[in-house]
Amino acid sequence: MKKFLVVVIVAFLFSGCAELQQVVNNLPNNVGLSQDQIGNGLRQALDNGIEHQVAKLTSKDGFYRNELVKILLPEELQAVDKGLRKIGLGNLADEGIKVLNRAAEDAVKTATPIFVNAVKEITFNDAKNILLGDKNAATNYLQLKTSQSLYNSFSPVIDNSFSKVGADKVWSNLITKYNSIPFVKKVNPDLTGYVTNEALKGVFTMIEIEEKGIREKVGLRNTALLRQVFALQDNR
């Protein structure tokens, strides 16, 4: 490791950042770790994000009381919220927001295996660059590679959760009451699609928190492989 540090320091002093990356990439076996090992380390970091952070979303108020991921009304429904409050139905408007978050909480609990399998199936074609990239590079890679398939899998789970937590009835009542207000523009929103997208954003937000923590805090690297892999980014 000392020899590695000397090489990196010399490379930085004489070549600059771009050349430093080239030196690191050309080190034999990347200081004892193969591309596959680095990829497995990144997978472990993402798995930790699911286990330690995404799990928080599945509890009651996991979305609703978390300002980082709380699902608010889409822009086109802000008028619904304001309109109902004007006619004294503020409690119904509040309940509408709450049940959207309840549906997301329930759906994430059911769909956690979807995220676990998505991580297992990721192929890190350039694991070294991801490791040495931004502090959320692995999360961004996961999002890029899996968003569409996760949406397709997650959407029916959200739809089922709407019924399970009673969100469909609350919103049917809410929309009916709003559309009965004279002179308002009638609405018929696709709330399943909206909540699916917002729930996925929340999941990736929490995974990113764990990835940044592992990158910045050695104490969060709870396996030998995580310690080995992320030591490389510490020494870049």
Protein backbone atom coordinates (compact mmCIF):
# COMPACT_ATOMS: atom_id res chain seq x y z
CA MET A 1 0.00 0.00 0.00
CA LYS A 2 2.88 2.38 0.76
CA LYS A 3 4.34 1.68 -2.67
CA PHE A 4 0.93 2.45 -4.18
CA LEU A 5 0.74 5.78 -2.34
CA VAL A 6 4.20 6.77 -3.58
CA VAL A 7 3.24 6.00 -7.15
CA VAL A 8 0.03 8.00 -6.87
CA ILE A 9 1.71 11.02 -5.25
CA VAL A 10 4.45 11.10 -7.87
CA ALA A 11 1.87 10.75 -10.62
CA PHE A 12 -0.12 13.65 -9.22
CA LEU A 13 2.88 15.95 -8.86
CA PHE A 14 4.16 15.38 -12.36
CA SER A 15 1.13 14.53 -14.43
CA GLY A 16 -2.13 15.96 -13.03
CA CYS A 17 -5.53 14.43 -12.41
CA ALA A 18 -6.16 12.91 -15.84
CA GLU A 19 -2.80 11.18 -15.83
CA LEU A 20 -3.39 10.08 -12.22
CA GLN A 21 -6.49 8.18 -13.31
CA GLN A 22 -4.47 6.54 -16.08
CA VAL A 23 -1.77 5.48 -13.63
CA VAL A 24 -4.34 3.96 -11.27
CA ASN A 25 -6.02 2.11 -14.13
CA ASN A 26 -2.70 0.70 -15.30
CA LEU A 27 -1.58 -0.62 -11.92
CA PRO A 28 -1.35 -4.43 -12.07
CA ASN A 29 -4.67 -5.93 -10.89
CA ASN A 30 -5.47 -2.51 -9.40
CA VAL A 31 -3.37 -3.23 -6.31
CA GLY A 32 -4.53 -6.81 -5.87
CA LEU A 33 -8.22 -6.28 -6.61
CA SER A 34 -9.80 -7.44 -9.84
CA GLN A 35 -12.58 -5.69 -11.72
CA ASP A 36 -14.97 -8.37 -10.43
CA GLN A 37 -13.91 -7.79 -6.83
CA ILE A 38 -14.44 -4.05 -7.17
CA GLY A 39 -17.83 -4.70 -8.74
CA ASN A 40 -18.76 -7.00 -5.86
CA GLY A 41 -17.71 -4.33 -3.40
CA LEU A 42 -19.96 -1.81 -5.13
CA ARG A 43 -22.82 -4.30 -5.00
CA GLN A 44 -22.28 -4.73 -1.28
CA ALA A 45 -22.46 -0.96 -0.84
CA LEU A 46 -25.77 -0.85 -2.72
CA ASP A 47 -27.07 -3.85 -0.76
CA ASN A 48 -26.23 -1.97 2.44
CA GLY A 49 -28.23 0.96 1.12
CA ILE A 50 -31.25 -1.31 0.73
CA GLU A 51 -30.77 -3.03 4.08
CA HIS A 52 -29.96 0.02 6.19
CA GLN A 53 -31.69 2.93 4.45
CA VAL A 54 -34.47 1.69 2.16
CA ALA A 55 -35.80 -0.41 5.05
CA LYS A 56 -36.54 2.85 6.89
CA LEU A 57 -39.02 3.76 4.17
CA THR A 58 -41.13 0.69 4.85
CA SER A 59 -42.12 1.69 8.37
CA LYS A 60 -45.14 3.85 9.17
CA ASP A 61 -44.31 7.45 8.22
CA GLY A 62 -41.14 6.22 6.49
CA PHE A 63 -42.00 8.49 3.58
CA TYR A 64 -44.48 10.83 5.22
CA ARG A 65 -42.17 12.05 8.01
CA ASN A 66 -38.97 12.02 5.97
CA GLU A 67 -38.59 15.41 4.29
CA LEU A 68 -35.98 14.01 1.89
CA VAL A 69 -38.49 11.67 0.26
CA LYS A 70 -41.98 12.78 1.36
CA ILE A 71 -44.38 12.56 -1.57
CA LEU A 72 -46.20 15.83 -2.17
CA LEU A 73 -48.94 16.52 -4.66
CA PRO A 74 -47.89 16.89 -8.29
CA GLU A 75 -48.05 20.41 -9.69
CA GLU A 76 -51.26 19.74 -11.61
CA LEU A 77 -53.01 18.80 -8.34
CA GLN A 78 -51.94 21.86 -6.34
CA ALA A 79 -55.21 23.46 -7.45
CA VAL A 80 -57.09 20.50 -5.96
CA ASP A 81 -55.39 21.03 -2.62
CA LYS A 82 -56.10 24.77 -2.60
CA GLY A 83 -59.66 24.32 -3.82
CA LEU A 84 -60.56 21.82 -1.12
CA ARG A 85 -59.04 23.95 1.62
CA LYS A 86 -61.05 26.96 0.43
CA ILE A 87 -64.29 25.07 0.97
CA GLY A 88 -63.27 23.78 4.40
CA LEU A 89 -62.00 20.34 3.38
CA GLY A 90 -58.41 20.81 4.53
CA ASN A 91 -58.50 17.56 6.52
CA LEU A 92 -59.44 15.62 3.39
CA ALA A 93 -56.60 17.28 1.47
CA ASP A 94 -54.15 16.33 4.22
CA GLU A 95 -55.43 12.76 4.20
CA GLY A 96 -54.93 12.63 0.43
CA ILE A 97 -51.24 13.41 0.81
CA LYS A 98 -50.85 10.99 3.70
CA VAL A 99 -52.35 8.02 1.85
CA LEU A 100 -50.06 8.58 -1.14
CA ASN A 101 -47.12 8.18 1.23
CA ARG A 102 -48.76 5.19 2.95
CA ALA A 103 -49.06 3.47 -0.42
CA ALA A 104 -45.37 4.08 -1.12
CA GLU A 105 -44.39 2.76 2.31
CA ASP A 106 -46.41 -0.40 1.81
CA ALA A 107 -45.18 -0.90 -1.75
CA VAL A 108 -41.49 -0.54 -0.89
CA LYS A 109 -41.91 -3.19 1.81
CA THR A 110 -43.41 -5.59 -0.73
CA ALA A 111 -41.00 -4.72 -3.51
CA THR A 112 -37.68 -4.76 -1.64
CA PRO A 113 -36.71 -8.09 -3.30
CA ILE A 114 -37.07 -6.32 -6.66
CA PHE A 115 -34.30 -3.91 -5.66
CA VAL A 116 -32.13 -6.69 -4.24
CA ASN A 117 -32.38 -8.66 -7.48
CA ALA A 118 -31.70 -5.54 -9.53
CA VAL A 119 -28.41 -5.02 -7.69
CA LYS A 120 -27.42 -8.67 -8.20
CA GLU A 121 -28.01 -8.39 -11.92
CA ILE A 122 -25.96 -5.23 -12.46
CA THR A 123 -22.87 -5.67 -14.59
CA PHE A 124 -20.28 -3.06 -13.67
CA ASN A 125 -18.50 -2.71 -17.00
CA ASP A 126 -16.18 -0.05 -15.61
CA ALA A 127 -16.14 -0.67 -11.88
CA LYS A 128 -12.89 1.23 -11.28
CA ASN A 129 -14.23 4.43 -12.79
CA ILE A 130 -17.43 4.11 -10.75
CA LEU A 131 -15.42 3.51 -7.59
CA LEU A 132 -13.20 6.51 -8.28
CA GLY A 133 -16.10 8.69 -9.46
CA ASP A 134 -18.55 10.89 -7.60
CA LYS A 135 -19.75 9.96 -4.11
CA ASN A 136 -23.06 8.74 -5.55
CA ALA A 137 -21.63 7.15 -8.70
CA ALA A 138 -22.75 3.60 -7.89
CA THR A 139 -26.29 4.76 -7.03
CA ASN A 140 -26.45 6.75 -10.26
CA TYR A 141 -25.30 3.67 -12.17
CA LEU A 142 -27.97 1.56 -10.48
CA GLN A 143 -30.60 4.15 -11.35
CA LEU A 144 -29.47 4.37 -14.98
CA LYS A 145 -29.40 0.62 -15.48
CA THR A 146 -32.56 -0.38 -13.62
CA SER A 147 -35.06 2.51 -13.56
CA GLN A 148 -37.26 1.28 -16.40
CA SER A 149 -37.36 -2.36 -15.29
CA LEU A 150 -37.92 -1.29 -11.69
CA TYR A 151 -40.77 0.99 -12.76
CA ASN A 152 -42.41 -1.84 -14.69
CA SER A 153 -42.15 -4.16 -11.68
CA PHE A 154 -42.97 -1.54 -9.08
CA SER A 155 -46.03 0.03 -10.71
CA PRO A 156 -48.42 -2.91 -10.13
CA VAL A 157 -47.16 -3.15 -6.54
CA ILE A 158 -48.03 0.52 -6.02
CA ASP A 159 -51.42 -0.04 -7.64
CA ASN A 160 -52.11 -2.90 -5.25
CA SER A 161 -50.92 -0.84 -2.29
CA PHE A 162 -53.34 1.94 -3.23
CA SER A 163 -56.18 -0.47 -2.60
CA LYS A 164 -54.53 -2.04 0.43
CA VAL A 165 -54.12 1.23 2.35
CA GLY A 166 -57.37 2.74 1.09
CA ALA A 167 -55.72 5.44 -1.02
CA ASP A 168 -57.95 4.66 -4.00
CA LYS A 169 -61.12 5.39 -2.00
CA VAL A 170 -59.71 8.54 -0.40
CA TRP A 171 -58.65 9.95 -3.74
CA SER A 172 -61.84 8.93 -5.50
CA ASN A 173 -63.76 10.89 -2.86
CA LEU A 174 -61.28 13.77 -2.99
CA ILE A 175 -61.38 14.12 -6.78
CA THR A 176 -65.18 13.79 -6.86
CA LYS A 177 -65.57 16.60 -4.32
CA TYR A 178 -63.09 18.82 -6.13
CA ASN A 179 -64.66 18.26 -9.55
CA SER A 180 -68.04 19.23 -8.07
CA ILE A 181 -66.76 22.73 -7.24
CA PRO A 182 -68.29 25.17 -9.77
CA PHE A 183 -66.04 26.51 -12.54
CA VAL A 184 -62.95 24.42 -11.70
CA LYS A 185 -61.03 22.53 -14.36
CA LYS A 186 -61.88 18.86 -13.95
CA VAL A 187 -58.99 16.51 -13.09
CA ASN A 188 -58.40 12.79 -13.49
CA PRO A 189 -54.77 12.23 -12.46
CA ASP A 190 -52.67 9.10 -12.95
CA LEU A 191 -51.69 8.81 -9.31
CA THR A 192 -50.29 5.29 -9.64
CA GLY A 193 -47.72 6.44 -12.19
CA TYR A 194 -46.88 9.53 -10.16
CA VAL A 195 -46.43 7.70 -6.85
CA THR A 196 -44.41 4.95 -8.56
CA ASN A 197 -41.92 7.53 -9.85
CA GLU A 198 -41.79 9.37 -6.52
CA ALA A 199 -41.33 6.14 -4.55
CA LEU A 200 -38.45 5.10 -6.80
CA LYS A 201 -36.84 8.51 -6.36
CA GLY A 202 -37.13 8.02 -2.60
CA VAL A 203 -35.49 4.59 -2.78
CA PHE A 204 -32.55 5.89 -4.80
CA THR A 205 -32.20 8.87 -2.45
CA MET A 206 -31.82 6.57 0.55
CA ILE A 207 -29.40 4.23 -1.24
CA GLU A 208 -27.31 7.28 -2.15
CA ILE A 209 -27.13 8.29 1.52
CA GLU A 210 -25.64 4.90 2.39
CA GLU A 211 -23.18 4.97 -0.50
CA LYS A 212 -21.92 8.42 0.50
CA GLY A 213 -21.60 7.23 4.09
CA ILE A 214 -19.52 4.20 3.09
CA ARG A 215 -17.30 6.37 0.94
CA GLU A 216 -16.73 8.93 3.68
CA LYS A 217 -16.75 6.84 6.89
CA VAL A 218 -14.50 3.83 7.25
CA GLY A 219 -16.60 2.59 10.18
CA LEU A 220 -19.57 1.92 7.86
CA ARG A 221 -17.55 -0.54 5.78
CA ASN A 222 -18.80 -3.65 7.52
CA THR A 223 -17.09 -6.33 5.42
CA ALA A 224 -13.48 -7.02 4.50
CA LEU A 225 -14.29 -6.53 0.82
CA LEU A 226 -15.86 -3.13 1.43
CA ARG A 227 -12.79 -2.05 3.37
CA GLN A 228 -10.46 -3.26 0.63
CA VAL A 229 -12.40 -1.79 -2.25
CA PHE A 230 -13.13 1.62 -0.78
CA ALA A 231 -9.56 1.95 0.49
CA LEU A 232 -8.69 2.42 -3.19
CA GLN A 233 -10.82 5.55 -3.44
CA ASP A 234 -9.38 6.82 -0.14
CA ASN A 235 -5.90 6.61 -1.62
CA ARG A 236 -6.62 8.04 -5.05
